[in-house]
Amino acid sequence: MPKIIGGSLHEHREQTRNRLFAALATLMEERGFDAISFAEIAAAAGVGRTAVYNHFADKEALLLGYIQHETGKYVENLQRSIADINDPVDRLRAYIRAQARLDRVFHVTPGTELRSILSRGAAQRLREHVTVIEDLLRDILGAGISAGEFPPQDINTSVNLINSCLTGRSLPENAAEWERCLEATEEFVLRAVGVRTPAPGLRRYELSR
């Protein structure tokens, strides 16, 4: 019988899944999803190959589980980071900074390469996770319009444009350059949604990781 990790079967299951997610993330950074095998993921996680099937039917199911796990953590952290922010402009700034801190695009939206290797059903399930994050931005924009901070606009179009601007882009590694680039991105997005008055001084909202 395999050794139980943790103090209970529930803890064992959670820790095993977390090991598999960590191994998958590391291997994807090194080689990309389509270049790794299910057996390699199991070996990197220190989990028996047959035991992996108790958690995920195949590599694609593991990827979707990982995305769901990461998206859930991201949404919870983002919700906490904006919970006490009342000003719609500052809430939008917090959203932009949270997006900039994402270290893997799989949290938000797949690139062309990732979409091309997923089945139609898996791609649809992935889209459902993306929608959760889009809904947060819709709420921010809707509240801003209601408060008169943003002019009336097609919210769905604005959401698509903002996320296209924020995802799949690289920020400089130098801290000062990173900050300047992020501030420019903030101001660009604020102008895009119709903020016409000078934005208040930057406030720092740290997204817990």
Protein backbone atom coordinates (compact mmCIF):
# COMPACT_ATOMS: atom_id res chain seq x y z
CA MET A 1 0.00 0.00 0.00
CA PRO A 2 1.42 3.45 -0.89
CA LYS A 3 2.68 5.54 1.98
CA ILE A 4 0.14 8.11 3.15
CA ILE A 5 1.33 11.72 2.94
CA GLY A 6 -0.07 13.86 5.75
CA GLY A 7 -2.26 12.93 8.68
CA SER A 8 -5.33 11.73 6.78
CA LEU A 9 -6.47 10.45 3.41
CA HIS A 10 -7.83 13.92 2.63
CA GLU A 11 -4.46 15.54 3.38
CA HIS A 12 -2.74 12.82 1.40
CA ARG A 13 -4.92 13.53 -1.61
CA GLU A 14 -4.44 17.30 -1.39
CA GLN A 15 -0.67 17.06 -0.98
CA THR A 16 -0.39 14.60 -3.84
CA ARG A 17 -2.36 16.90 -6.12
CA ASN A 18 -0.19 19.85 -5.08
CA ARG A 19 2.95 17.87 -5.86
CA LEU A 20 1.60 17.02 -9.29
CA PHE A 21 0.64 20.64 -9.95
CA ALA A 22 4.10 21.87 -8.90
CA ALA A 23 5.80 19.27 -11.08
CA LEU A 24 3.60 20.13 -14.06
CA ALA A 25 4.31 23.85 -13.68
CA THR A 26 8.07 23.31 -13.50
CA LEU A 27 8.15 20.99 -16.49
CA MET A 28 5.96 23.32 -18.57
CA GLU A 29 8.37 26.17 -17.90
CA GLU A 30 11.26 24.00 -19.07
CA ARG A 31 9.77 22.32 -22.13
CA GLY A 32 6.14 23.21 -22.67
CA PHE A 33 3.04 21.10 -22.09
CA ASP A 34 3.13 19.07 -25.29
CA ALA A 35 6.75 17.99 -24.75
CA ILE A 36 6.25 16.27 -21.39
CA SER A 37 4.70 12.91 -20.58
CA PHE A 38 2.38 11.83 -17.82
CA ALA A 39 5.11 9.50 -16.53
CA GLU A 40 7.62 12.37 -16.34
CA ILE A 41 5.18 14.47 -14.33
CA ALA A 42 4.61 11.60 -11.89
CA ALA A 43 8.36 11.02 -11.51
CA ALA A 44 9.06 14.73 -10.92
CA ALA A 45 6.31 14.79 -8.28
CA GLY A 46 7.62 11.65 -6.58
CA VAL A 47 4.29 9.92 -7.14
CA GLY A 48 3.84 6.43 -8.53
CA ARG A 49 2.54 6.47 -12.08
CA THR A 50 -0.40 4.21 -11.33
CA ALA A 51 -1.30 6.34 -8.29
CA VAL A 52 -1.61 9.40 -10.52
CA TYR A 53 -4.64 7.83 -12.18
CA ASN A 54 -6.45 7.97 -8.85
CA HIS A 55 -6.44 11.73 -9.28
CA PHE A 56 -6.42 12.45 -13.01
CA ALA A 57 -7.41 10.33 -15.99
CA ASP A 58 -4.74 11.79 -18.27
CA LYS A 59 -2.33 14.66 -18.78
CA GLU A 60 -5.04 16.95 -20.10
CA ALA A 61 -7.19 16.37 -17.02
CA LEU A 62 -4.17 17.22 -14.86
CA LEU A 63 -3.64 20.47 -16.76
CA LEU A 64 -7.27 21.48 -16.29
CA GLY A 65 -7.09 20.60 -12.59
CA TYR A 66 -3.99 22.75 -12.28
CA ILE A 67 -5.64 25.70 -14.03
CA GLN A 68 -8.71 25.41 -11.83
CA HIS A 69 -6.53 25.28 -8.72
CA GLU A 70 -4.44 28.29 -9.72
CA THR A 71 -7.43 30.30 -10.91
CA GLY A 72 -9.22 29.67 -7.63
CA LYS A 73 -6.26 30.92 -5.60
CA TYR A 74 -5.85 33.96 -7.85
CA VAL A 75 -9.52 34.94 -7.63
CA GLU A 76 -9.54 34.58 -3.84
CA ASN A 77 -6.42 36.72 -3.52
CA LEU A 78 -7.72 39.36 -5.89
CA GLN A 79 -11.06 39.54 -4.10
CA ARG A 80 -9.26 40.04 -0.78
CA SER A 81 -7.00 42.69 -2.28
CA ILE A 82 -9.91 44.85 -3.48
CA ALA A 83 -12.42 44.09 -0.70
CA ASP A 84 -11.70 47.31 1.21
CA ILE A 85 -11.17 49.54 -1.84
CA ASN A 86 -14.20 51.69 -2.56
CA ASP A 87 -12.91 53.93 -5.33
CA PRO A 88 -13.56 52.29 -8.75
CA VAL A 89 -10.36 53.73 -10.23
CA ASP A 90 -8.26 52.28 -7.43
CA ARG A 91 -10.08 48.95 -7.78
CA LEU A 92 -9.15 48.89 -11.47
CA ARG A 93 -5.54 49.72 -10.59
CA ALA A 94 -5.50 46.80 -8.15
CA TYR A 95 -6.81 44.48 -10.86
CA ILE A 96 -4.13 45.65 -13.30
CA ARG A 97 -1.37 45.07 -10.75
CA ALA A 98 -2.73 41.65 -9.88
CA GLN A 99 -2.65 40.68 -13.54
CA ALA A 100 0.90 41.97 -13.89
CA ARG A 101 2.03 39.74 -11.02
CA LEU A 102 0.82 36.58 -12.67
CA ASP A 103 3.89 34.46 -13.37
CA ARG A 104 2.16 31.93 -15.61
CA VAL A 105 -0.30 32.71 -18.37
CA PHE A 106 -2.10 29.43 -17.66
CA HIS A 107 -3.83 31.17 -14.72
CA VAL A 108 -5.76 33.42 -17.03
CA THR A 109 -5.86 32.52 -20.68
CA PRO A 110 -4.13 30.00 -22.91
CA GLY A 111 -1.87 31.08 -25.69
CA THR A 112 -2.31 29.84 -29.23
CA GLU A 113 0.03 26.91 -28.63
CA LEU A 114 -1.87 25.71 -25.57
CA ARG A 115 -5.25 25.99 -27.29
CA SER A 116 -3.98 23.97 -30.21
CA ILE A 117 -3.12 20.94 -28.05
CA LEU A 118 -6.34 20.80 -26.04
CA SER A 119 -9.47 18.95 -27.11
CA ARG A 120 -12.57 21.00 -27.83
CA GLY A 121 -14.16 19.94 -24.55
CA ALA A 122 -11.05 20.81 -22.55
CA ALA A 123 -10.76 24.18 -24.26
CA GLN A 124 -14.36 24.93 -23.31
CA ARG A 125 -13.70 24.00 -19.69
CA LEU A 126 -10.63 26.23 -19.75
CA ARG A 127 -12.75 29.07 -21.08
CA GLU A 128 -15.08 28.67 -18.10
CA HIS A 129 -12.17 29.37 -15.74
CA VAL A 130 -11.18 32.45 -17.75
CA THR A 131 -14.75 33.74 -17.45
CA VAL A 132 -14.51 33.80 -13.65
CA ILE A 133 -11.71 36.37 -13.84
CA GLU A 134 -13.42 38.34 -16.59
CA ASP A 135 -16.50 38.62 -14.37
CA LEU A 136 -14.41 40.31 -11.68
CA LEU A 137 -13.34 42.96 -14.18
CA ARG A 138 -16.93 43.36 -15.40
CA ASP A 139 -18.00 44.06 -11.83
CA ILE A 140 -15.25 46.66 -11.41
CA LEU A 141 -16.17 48.44 -14.63
CA GLY A 142 -19.90 48.24 -13.94
CA ALA A 143 -19.45 49.78 -10.49
CA GLY A 144 -17.29 52.53 -11.98
CA ILE A 145 -19.94 53.37 -14.57
CA SER A 146 -22.68 53.41 -11.93
CA ALA A 147 -20.55 55.73 -9.77
CA GLY A 148 -19.93 58.07 -12.69
CA GLU A 149 -16.18 57.47 -12.65
CA PHE A 150 -16.23 55.81 -16.09
CA PRO A 151 -18.46 56.87 -18.98
CA PRO A 152 -21.08 54.45 -20.33
CA GLN A 153 -19.48 51.84 -22.56
CA ASP A 154 -19.79 48.30 -23.87
CA ILE A 155 -18.40 46.47 -20.86
CA ASN A 156 -17.76 43.20 -22.70
CA THR A 157 -15.68 44.99 -25.32
CA SER A 158 -13.75 46.87 -22.63
CA VAL A 159 -13.05 43.63 -20.74
CA ASN A 160 -11.67 41.98 -23.87
CA LEU A 161 -9.47 44.96 -24.72
CA ILE A 162 -8.12 45.37 -21.18
CA ASN A 163 -7.25 41.70 -20.78
CA SER A 164 -5.66 41.62 -24.24
CA CYS A 165 -3.46 44.48 -23.09
CA LEU A 166 -2.52 42.80 -19.82
CA THR A 167 -1.99 39.15 -20.74
CA GLY A 168 0.82 37.55 -22.67
CA ARG A 169 3.21 40.44 -22.16
CA SER A 170 6.54 40.64 -20.37
CA LEU A 171 7.58 43.32 -17.89
CA PRO A 172 11.22 44.30 -17.28
CA GLU A 173 13.06 42.42 -14.54
CA ASN A 174 14.62 45.59 -13.12
CA ALA A 175 12.38 46.79 -10.28
CA ALA A 176 12.42 50.47 -11.23
CA GLU A 177 11.76 49.74 -14.89
CA TRP A 178 9.04 47.26 -13.92
CA GLU A 179 7.30 49.96 -11.88
CA ARG A 180 7.54 52.58 -14.64
CA CYS A 181 6.17 50.14 -17.19
CA LEU A 182 3.33 49.13 -14.90
CA GLU A 183 2.41 52.74 -14.15
CA ALA A 184 2.31 53.48 -17.89
CA THR A 185 0.07 50.45 -18.38
CA GLU A 186 -2.24 51.62 -15.60
CA GLU A 187 -2.61 55.07 -17.11
CA PHE A 188 -3.17 53.59 -20.59
CA VAL A 189 -5.99 51.35 -19.33
CA LEU A 190 -7.55 54.17 -17.30
CA ARG A 191 -7.61 56.43 -20.36
CA ALA A 192 -9.03 53.57 -22.41
CA VAL A 193 -12.03 53.20 -20.08
CA GLY A 194 -12.60 56.96 -20.09
CA VAL A 195 -10.99 58.32 -16.92
CA ARG A 196 -10.56 61.97 -17.89
CA THR A 197 -9.38 63.52 -14.65
CA PRO A 198 -5.85 63.04 -13.28
CA ALA A 199 -5.73 59.78 -11.39
CA PRO A 200 -4.96 59.99 -7.66
CA GLY A 201 -1.50 59.18 -6.42
CA LEU A 202 -0.60 55.56 -6.76
CA ARG A 203 -1.48 53.38 -3.84
CA ARG A 204 0.10 50.01 -3.38
CA TYR A 205 -2.14 47.02 -3.07
CA GLU A 206 -0.11 43.88 -2.55
CA LEU A 207 -1.75 40.73 -3.77
CA SER A 208 -0.92 37.94 -1.31
CA ARG A 209 0.81 35.02 -2.94
